[in-house]
Amino acid sequence: MKLIIHEHGDTSVGYPESYYLIECPFERNDLSEVDLLEFKVQMLEIYEGFAESNMDAEYEFEITV
């Protein structure tokens, strides 16, 4: 399972859109919804140090097309 972090970027000032893929050390059914959310929040906090713009994150099972 993967967590996809999306940095939205701002092309008007030269910051491109970026994605970071995190291979999770667990599967969806291994953790409660609260634990999944906590992991997502913690990963966003870590990656914010590298970001130039707004970020959000979704697990691959949350993505709708």
C-alpha atoms as a PDB file:
ATOM      1  CA  MET A   1       0.000   0.000   0.000  1.00  0.00           C
ATOM      2  CA  LYS A   2       1.192   3.499  -0.763  1.00  0.00           C
ATOM      3  CA  LEU A   3       0.628   6.954   0.650  1.00  0.00           C
ATOM      4  CA  ILE A   4       0.824   9.610  -2.074  1.00  0.00           C
ATOM      5  CA  ILE A   5       1.804  13.090  -0.963  1.00  0.00           C
ATOM      6  CA  HIS A   6       0.923  15.817  -3.443  1.00  0.00           C
ATOM      7  CA  GLU A   7       2.719  19.139  -3.353  1.00  0.00           C
ATOM      8  CA  HIS A   8       0.535  21.489  -5.364  1.00  0.00           C
ATOM      9  CA  GLY A   9       3.290  23.824  -6.511  1.00  0.00           C
ATOM     10  CA  ASP A  10       2.934  27.303  -7.926  1.00  0.00           C
ATOM     11  CA  THR A  11       4.116  27.592 -11.516  1.00  0.00           C
ATOM     12  CA  SER A  12       3.717  31.375 -11.463  1.00  0.00           C
ATOM     13  CA  VAL A  13       6.771  31.554  -9.198  1.00  0.00           C
ATOM     14  CA  GLY A  14       8.618  28.528 -10.573  1.00  0.00           C
ATOM     15  CA  TYR A  15       7.555  25.786  -8.133  1.00  0.00           C
ATOM     16  CA  PRO A  16       6.434  22.715 -10.068  1.00  0.00           C
ATOM     17  CA  GLU A  17       3.825  20.261  -8.880  1.00  0.00           C
ATOM     18  CA  SER A  18       5.435  17.238  -7.147  1.00  0.00           C
ATOM     19  CA  TYR A  19       4.440  13.839  -5.823  1.00  0.00           C
ATOM     20  CA  TYR A  20       6.091  11.683  -3.182  1.00  0.00           C
ATOM     21  CA  LEU A  21       5.233   7.992  -2.908  1.00  0.00           C
ATOM     22  CA  ILE A  22       5.644   6.327   0.459  1.00  0.00           C
ATOM     23  CA  GLU A  23       5.559   2.537   0.603  1.00  0.00           C
ATOM     24  CA  CYS A  24       3.647   1.922   3.828  1.00  0.00           C
ATOM     25  CA  PRO A  25       5.021  -0.665   6.260  1.00  0.00           C
ATOM     26  CA  PHE A  26       1.485  -2.036   6.764  1.00  0.00           C
ATOM     27  CA  GLU A  27      -1.680  -2.924   4.876  1.00  0.00           C
ATOM     28  CA  ARG A  28      -5.023  -1.161   5.122  1.00  0.00           C
ATOM     29  CA  ASN A  29      -6.643  -3.813   7.307  1.00  0.00           C
ATOM     30  CA  ASP A  30      -3.707  -3.875   9.742  1.00  0.00           C
ATOM     31  CA  LEU A  31      -4.618  -0.520  11.316  1.00  0.00           C
ATOM     32  CA  SER A  32      -7.723   1.326  12.453  1.00  0.00           C
ATOM     33  CA  GLU A  33      -8.941   4.406  10.585  1.00  0.00           C
ATOM     34  CA  VAL A  34      -7.567   6.565  13.403  1.00  0.00           C
ATOM     35  CA  ASP A  35      -4.106   5.020  13.033  1.00  0.00           C
ATOM     36  CA  LEU A  36      -4.196   5.447   9.241  1.00  0.00           C
ATOM     37  CA  LEU A  37      -5.044   9.120   9.691  1.00  0.00           C
ATOM     38  CA  GLU A  38      -2.298   9.562  12.289  1.00  0.00           C
ATOM     39  CA  PHE A  39       0.307   8.043   9.945  1.00  0.00           C
ATOM     40  CA  LYS A  40      -0.843  10.363   7.151  1.00  0.00           C
ATOM     41  CA  VAL A  41      -0.608  13.427   9.409  1.00  0.00           C
ATOM     42  CA  GLN A  42       2.866  12.432  10.602  1.00  0.00           C
ATOM     43  CA  MET A  43       4.132  11.928   7.040  1.00  0.00           C
ATOM     44  CA  LEU A  44       2.752  15.321   5.981  1.00  0.00           C
ATOM     45  CA  GLU A  45       4.540  16.957   8.903  1.00  0.00           C
ATOM     46  CA  ILE A  46       7.826  15.347   7.855  1.00  0.00           C
ATOM     47  CA  TYR A  47       7.508  16.285   4.173  1.00  0.00           C
ATOM     48  CA  GLU A  48       6.430  19.871   4.918  1.00  0.00           C
ATOM     49  CA  GLY A  49      10.092  20.616   5.625  1.00  0.00           C
ATOM     50  CA  PHE A  50      10.857  19.981   1.937  1.00  0.00           C
ATOM     51  CA  ALA A  51       7.789  21.703   0.489  1.00  0.00           C
ATOM     52  CA  GLU A  52       7.601  25.005  -1.312  1.00  0.00           C
ATOM     53  CA  SER A  53       3.799  25.050  -1.414  1.00  0.00           C
ATOM     54  CA  ASN A  54       0.580  23.459  -0.089  1.00  0.00           C
ATOM     55  CA  MET A  55       0.500  19.686   0.400  1.00  0.00           C
ATOM     56  CA  ASP A  56      -2.094  16.976   0.911  1.00  0.00           C
ATOM     57  CA  ALA A  57      -1.946  13.193   1.051  1.00  0.00           C
ATOM     58  CA  GLU A  58      -4.105  10.235   0.088  1.00  0.00           C
ATOM     59  CA  TYR A  59      -3.711   6.511   0.396  1.00  0.00           C
ATOM     60  CA  GLU A  60      -3.918   4.764  -2.954  1.00  0.00           C
ATOM     61  CA  PHE A  61      -7.266   3.201  -1.935  1.00  0.00           C
ATOM     62  CA  GLU A  62      -8.734   6.701  -1.307  1.00  0.00           C
ATOM     63  CA  ILE A  63      -8.016   8.021  -4.782  1.00  0.00           C
ATOM     64  CA  THR A  64     -11.059   8.296  -7.027  1.00  0.00           C
ATOM     65  CA  VAL A  65     -10.826   8.872 -10.735  1.00  0.00           C
END
